[in-house]
Amino acid sequence: MESSIYTIRKSFLIPLGLAVLLSFVLLASALFLQLPTAKTIILAGFLLPVCIIFAESSLRKVYVTEDAVKVSKLFRSKRLNYAELTAIDTIQVRKRVFVSLSSEKDFMILSNSYEQFGLLVKQLVTKVPEAVVSDETRQLAENPPIKCSDVFSAWLAVAVLTLIIFVQLRGVF
């Protein structure tokens, strides 16, 4: 049984991974410079959710097979058979798009954070029963919006962290 696999866009994962790495460098420099404990604790508190977001994003996958769609996430996965689906709807807020797949027992939400999101939606639309797909979802499959604000935000975080590290270490070297 052949399946298509979709992952979160690399254009987002690369700066997010750099932000995680720079956060560890910043934490190490705070420990090395013996900054106040409160600053170190706040930095460590910031680092934990960033690491979780990175791990969750880098491990998230959508598998579109002949009979079902499966989402694999950190420590969990969910599968919906096409025959069980009762609705596929779309919600769009500016360039952010969410496609919800619903059955009587469960649901799944996919966002346009996935690479080749348009192809993912097209595949779903062709594989599911025609009656469950909303008109908005059909239109989205033909013309998916391109979202780049999350990539910009991740690169902005990299720039800010780099600046903080530079300011913090400039007197040491």
C-alpha atoms as a PDB file:
ATOM      1  CA  MET A   1       0.000   0.000   0.000  1.00  0.00           C
ATOM      2  CA  GLU A   2       1.612   3.242  -1.195  1.00  0.00           C
ATOM      3  CA  SER A   3       1.301   6.401   0.857  1.00  0.00           C
ATOM      4  CA  SER A   4       2.315  10.028   0.566  1.00  0.00           C
ATOM      5  CA  ILE A   5       4.126  11.556   3.518  1.00  0.00           C
ATOM      6  CA  TYR A   6       3.938  15.245   4.401  1.00  0.00           C
ATOM      7  CA  THR A   7       6.128  16.960   6.983  1.00  0.00           C
ATOM      8  CA  ILE A   8       6.355  20.453   8.446  1.00  0.00           C
ATOM      9  CA  ARG A   9       8.143  22.874   6.083  1.00  0.00           C
ATOM     10  CA  LYS A  10      11.931  22.900   6.318  1.00  0.00           C
ATOM     11  CA  SER A  11      11.861  26.691   5.853  1.00  0.00           C
ATOM     12  CA  PHE A  12      10.306  26.831   9.335  1.00  0.00           C
ATOM     13  CA  LEU A  13      12.209  23.973  10.988  1.00  0.00           C
ATOM     14  CA  ILE A  14      15.671  25.331  10.127  1.00  0.00           C
ATOM     15  CA  PRO A  15      15.321  28.709  11.903  1.00  0.00           C
ATOM     16  CA  LEU A  16      13.421  27.045  14.751  1.00  0.00           C
ATOM     17  CA  GLY A  17      16.282  24.579  15.203  1.00  0.00           C
ATOM     18  CA  LEU A  18      18.767  27.451  15.153  1.00  0.00           C
ATOM     19  CA  ALA A  19      16.703  29.242  17.803  1.00  0.00           C
ATOM     20  CA  VAL A  20      16.889  26.125  19.991  1.00  0.00           C
ATOM     21  CA  LEU A  21      20.642  25.868  19.467  1.00  0.00           C
ATOM     22  CA  LEU A  22      21.170  29.575  20.205  1.00  0.00           C
ATOM     23  CA  SER A  23      19.014  29.265  23.315  1.00  0.00           C
ATOM     24  CA  PHE A  24      21.312  26.525  24.606  1.00  0.00           C
ATOM     25  CA  VAL A  25      24.341  28.717  23.795  1.00  0.00           C
ATOM     26  CA  LEU A  26      22.702  31.572  25.683  1.00  0.00           C
ATOM     27  CA  LEU A  27      21.987  29.318  28.662  1.00  0.00           C
ATOM     28  CA  ALA A  28      25.566  28.012  28.649  1.00  0.00           C
ATOM     29  CA  SER A  29      26.932  31.555  28.515  1.00  0.00           C
ATOM     30  CA  ALA A  30      24.650  32.599  31.380  1.00  0.00           C
ATOM     31  CA  LEU A  31      25.985  29.734  33.464  1.00  0.00           C
ATOM     32  CA  PHE A  32      29.578  30.473  32.417  1.00  0.00           C
ATOM     33  CA  LEU A  33      29.249  34.179  33.242  1.00  0.00           C
ATOM     34  CA  GLN A  34      27.468  33.321  36.491  1.00  0.00           C
ATOM     35  CA  LEU A  35      24.538  35.605  35.772  1.00  0.00           C
ATOM     36  CA  PRO A  36      21.882  35.960  38.477  1.00  0.00           C
ATOM     37  CA  THR A  37      19.972  32.762  39.172  1.00  0.00           C
ATOM     38  CA  ALA A  38      16.646  34.368  38.260  1.00  0.00           C
ATOM     39  CA  LYS A  39      17.871  35.154  34.721  1.00  0.00           C
ATOM     40  CA  THR A  40      19.156  31.611  34.293  1.00  0.00           C
ATOM     41  CA  ILE A  41      15.862  30.119  35.509  1.00  0.00           C
ATOM     42  CA  ILE A  42      13.842  32.371  33.178  1.00  0.00           C
ATOM     43  CA  LEU A  43      16.066  31.381  30.263  1.00  0.00           C
ATOM     44  CA  ALA A  44      15.714  27.685  31.103  1.00  0.00           C
ATOM     45  CA  GLY A  45      11.942  28.192  31.371  1.00  0.00           C
ATOM     46  CA  PHE A  46      11.961  29.720  27.887  1.00  0.00           C
ATOM     47  CA  LEU A  47      14.091  26.909  26.510  1.00  0.00           C
ATOM     48  CA  LEU A  48      11.734  24.099  27.562  1.00  0.00           C
ATOM     49  CA  PRO A  49       8.713  25.117  25.409  1.00  0.00           C
ATOM     50  CA  VAL A  50      10.963  25.991  22.454  1.00  0.00           C
ATOM     51  CA  CYS A  51      12.486  22.496  22.583  1.00  0.00           C
ATOM     52  CA  ILE A  52       9.036  20.909  22.808  1.00  0.00           C
ATOM     53  CA  ILE A  53       7.757  22.942  19.838  1.00  0.00           C
ATOM     54  CA  PHE A  54      10.820  22.000  17.805  1.00  0.00           C
ATOM     55  CA  ALA A  55      10.543  18.292  18.671  1.00  0.00           C
ATOM     56  CA  GLU A  56       6.797  18.275  17.969  1.00  0.00           C
ATOM     57  CA  SER A  57       7.214  20.111  14.672  1.00  0.00           C
ATOM     58  CA  SER A  58      10.148  18.089  13.396  1.00  0.00           C
ATOM     59  CA  LEU A  59       8.498  14.728  14.158  1.00  0.00           C
ATOM     60  CA  ARG A  60       4.998  15.566  12.872  1.00  0.00           C
ATOM     61  CA  LYS A  61       3.977  13.688   9.713  1.00  0.00           C
ATOM     62  CA  VAL A  62       0.799  13.185   7.724  1.00  0.00           C
ATOM     63  CA  TYR A  63       0.407   9.921   5.828  1.00  0.00           C
ATOM     64  CA  VAL A  64      -2.179   9.852   3.039  1.00  0.00           C
ATOM     65  CA  THR A  65      -2.843   6.248   2.051  1.00  0.00           C
ATOM     66  CA  GLU A  66      -5.422   4.611  -0.206  1.00  0.00           C
ATOM     67  CA  ASP A  67      -7.956   4.104   2.589  1.00  0.00           C
ATOM     68  CA  ALA A  68      -7.045   6.503   5.410  1.00  0.00           C
ATOM     69  CA  VAL A  69      -5.185   9.573   6.604  1.00  0.00           C
ATOM     70  CA  LYS A  70      -2.869   9.257   9.592  1.00  0.00           C
ATOM     71  CA  VAL A  71      -1.162  11.992  11.607  1.00  0.00           C
ATOM     72  CA  SER A  72       1.894  11.020  13.578  1.00  0.00           C
ATOM     73  CA  LYS A  73       3.029  13.371  16.345  1.00  0.00           C
ATOM     74  CA  LEU A  74       5.395  13.253  19.294  1.00  0.00           C
ATOM     75  CA  PHE A  75       4.244  10.302  21.496  1.00  0.00           C
ATOM     76  CA  ARG A  76       0.914   9.848  19.683  1.00  0.00           C
ATOM     77  CA  SER A  77      -0.786   9.231  16.359  1.00  0.00           C
ATOM     78  CA  LYS A  78      -4.295   9.337  14.972  1.00  0.00           C
ATOM     79  CA  ARG A  79      -5.883   7.619  11.977  1.00  0.00           C
ATOM     80  CA  LEU A  80      -9.156   8.301  10.179  1.00  0.00           C
ATOM     81  CA  ASN A  81     -10.539   6.051   7.449  1.00  0.00           C
ATOM     82  CA  TYR A  82     -11.981   7.929   4.487  1.00  0.00           C
ATOM     83  CA  ALA A  83     -15.200   5.904   4.626  1.00  0.00           C
ATOM     84  CA  GLU A  84     -15.823   7.116   8.218  1.00  0.00           C
ATOM     85  CA  LEU A  85     -15.444  10.839   7.421  1.00  0.00           C
ATOM     86  CA  THR A  86     -18.569  12.944   7.755  1.00  0.00           C
ATOM     87  CA  ALA A  87     -17.107  16.370   6.860  1.00  0.00           C
ATOM     88  CA  ILE A  88     -13.993  18.109   5.609  1.00  0.00           C
ATOM     89  CA  ASP A  89     -14.121  21.829   6.280  1.00  0.00           C
ATOM     90  CA  THR A  90     -11.726  24.742   5.938  1.00  0.00           C
ATOM     91  CA  ILE A  91     -11.110  27.699   8.204  1.00  0.00           C
ATOM     92  CA  GLN A  92      -8.900  30.496   6.921  1.00  0.00           C
ATOM     93  CA  VAL A  93      -7.583  33.419   8.958  1.00  0.00           C
ATOM     94  CA  ARG A  94      -5.507  35.610   6.645  1.00  0.00           C
ATOM     95  CA  LYS A  95      -2.825  33.265   5.296  1.00  0.00           C
ATOM     96  CA  ARG A  96      -3.268  30.683   8.083  1.00  0.00           C
ATOM     97  CA  VAL A  97      -5.432  27.754   6.958  1.00  0.00           C
ATOM     98  CA  PHE A  98      -6.848  24.841   8.922  1.00  0.00           C
ATOM     99  CA  VAL A  99      -8.543  21.827   7.344  1.00  0.00           C
ATOM    100  CA  SER A 100     -10.655  19.771   9.712  1.00  0.00           C
ATOM    101  CA  LEU A 101     -11.480  16.157   8.988  1.00  0.00           C
ATOM    102  CA  SER A 102     -14.394  14.898  11.050  1.00  0.00           C
ATOM    103  CA  SER A 103     -15.976  11.544  11.682  1.00  0.00           C
ATOM    104  CA  GLU A 104     -18.681  10.646  14.174  1.00  0.00           C
ATOM    105  CA  LYS A 105     -16.110   9.470  16.719  1.00  0.00           C
ATOM    106  CA  ASP A 106     -13.050  11.639  16.096  1.00  0.00           C
ATOM    107  CA  PHE A 107     -11.557  14.586  14.229  1.00  0.00           C
ATOM    108  CA  MET A 108      -8.227  15.788  12.901  1.00  0.00           C
ATOM    109  CA  ILE A 109      -6.979  19.285  12.086  1.00  0.00           C
ATOM    110  CA  LEU A 110      -4.272  19.951   9.509  1.00  0.00           C
ATOM    111  CA  SER A 111      -2.671  23.364   8.976  1.00  0.00           C
ATOM    112  CA  ASN A 112      -0.804  24.889   6.084  1.00  0.00           C
ATOM    113  CA  SER A 113       2.445  24.501   8.020  1.00  0.00           C
ATOM    114  CA  TYR A 114       3.010  21.304   6.045  1.00  0.00           C
ATOM    115  CA  GLU A 115       5.257  21.278   3.012  1.00  0.00           C
ATOM    116  CA  GLN A 116       3.234  20.891  -0.200  1.00  0.00           C
ATOM    117  CA  PHE A 117       0.016  21.659   1.657  1.00  0.00           C
ATOM    118  CA  GLY A 118      -1.899  22.237  -1.584  1.00  0.00           C
ATOM    119  CA  LEU A 119      -1.008  18.769  -2.831  1.00  0.00           C
ATOM    120  CA  LEU A 120      -2.003  17.294   0.547  1.00  0.00           C
ATOM    121  CA  VAL A 121      -5.459  18.882   0.326  1.00  0.00           C
ATOM    122  CA  LYS A 122      -5.849  17.839  -3.337  1.00  0.00           C
ATOM    123  CA  GLN A 123      -5.059  14.241  -2.427  1.00  0.00           C
ATOM    124  CA  LEU A 124      -7.581  14.274   0.397  1.00  0.00           C
ATOM    125  CA  VAL A 125     -10.280  15.786  -1.812  1.00  0.00           C
ATOM    126  CA  THR A 126      -9.787  13.080  -4.455  1.00  0.00           C
ATOM    127  CA  LYS A 127      -9.734  10.179  -1.977  1.00  0.00           C
ATOM    128  CA  VAL A 128     -12.689  10.978   0.294  1.00  0.00           C
ATOM    129  CA  PRO A 129     -16.381  10.672  -0.562  1.00  0.00           C
ATOM    130  CA  GLU A 130     -17.397  13.752  -2.570  1.00  0.00           C
ATOM    131  CA  ALA A 131     -20.371  14.603  -0.321  1.00  0.00           C
ATOM    132  CA  VAL A 132     -18.223  15.274   2.769  1.00  0.00           C
ATOM    133  CA  VAL A 133     -15.964  17.940   1.190  1.00  0.00           C
ATOM    134  CA  SER A 134     -17.004  21.570   1.606  1.00  0.00           C
ATOM    135  CA  ASP A 135     -16.849  24.037  -1.297  1.00  0.00           C
ATOM    136  CA  GLU A 136     -14.228  26.091   0.573  1.00  0.00           C
ATOM    137  CA  THR A 137     -11.988  23.032   0.824  1.00  0.00           C
ATOM    138  CA  ARG A 138     -12.327  22.368  -2.905  1.00  0.00           C
ATOM    139  CA  GLN A 139     -11.358  25.984  -3.628  1.00  0.00           C
ATOM    140  CA  LEU A 140      -8.446  25.728  -1.206  1.00  0.00           C
ATOM    141  CA  ALA A 141      -7.184  22.615  -2.994  1.00  0.00           C
ATOM    142  CA  GLU A 142      -7.031  24.605  -6.229  1.00  0.00           C
ATOM    143  CA  ASN A 143      -5.439  27.757  -4.780  1.00  0.00           C
ATOM    144  CA  PRO A 144      -3.767  27.263  -1.372  1.00  0.00           C
ATOM    145  CA  PRO A 145      -2.400  30.416   0.305  1.00  0.00           C
ATOM    146  CA  ILE A 146       1.314  30.622   1.005  1.00  0.00           C
ATOM    147  CA  LYS A 147       2.098  31.365   4.623  1.00  0.00           C
ATOM    148  CA  CYS A 148       5.445  32.828   5.633  1.00  0.00           C
ATOM    149  CA  SER A 149       4.793  34.748   8.873  1.00  0.00           C
ATOM    150  CA  ASP A 150       5.896  31.803  11.033  1.00  0.00           C
ATOM    151  CA  VAL A 151       9.160  31.559   9.098  1.00  0.00           C
ATOM    152  CA  PHE A 152       9.737  35.294   9.530  1.00  0.00           C
ATOM    153  CA  SER A 153       9.023  35.022  13.267  1.00  0.00           C
ATOM    154  CA  ALA A 154      11.463  32.125  13.648  1.00  0.00           C
ATOM    155  CA  TRP A 155      14.219  34.029  11.820  1.00  0.00           C
ATOM    156  CA  LEU A 156      13.458  37.081  13.952  1.00  0.00           C
ATOM    157  CA  ALA A 157      13.951  34.940  17.074  1.00  0.00           C
ATOM    158  CA  VAL A 158      17.303  33.764  15.666  1.00  0.00           C
ATOM    159  CA  ALA A 159      18.362  37.382  15.083  1.00  0.00           C
ATOM    160  CA  VAL A 160      17.300  38.492  18.575  1.00  0.00           C
ATOM    161  CA  LEU A 161      19.044  35.546  20.249  1.00  0.00           C
ATOM    162  CA  THR A 162      22.205  36.206  18.237  1.00  0.00           C
ATOM    163  CA  LEU A 163      22.141  39.856  19.299  1.00  0.00           C
ATOM    164  CA  ILE A 164      21.637  38.922  22.966  1.00  0.00           C
ATOM    165  CA  ILE A 165      24.522  36.433  22.834  1.00  0.00           C
ATOM    166  CA  PHE A 166      26.755  39.018  21.154  1.00  0.00           C
ATOM    167  CA  VAL A 167      25.926  41.685  23.758  1.00  0.00           C
ATOM    168  CA  GLN A 168      26.345  39.217  26.617  1.00  0.00           C
ATOM    169  CA  LEU A 169      29.721  37.865  25.417  1.00  0.00           C
ATOM    170  CA  ARG A 170      31.290  40.969  23.878  1.00  0.00           C
ATOM    171  CA  GLY A 171      33.130  41.863  27.093  1.00  0.00           C
ATOM    172  CA  VAL A 172      34.454  38.326  27.592  1.00  0.00           C
ATOM    173  CA  PHE A 173      36.457  38.077  24.356  1.00  0.00           C
END
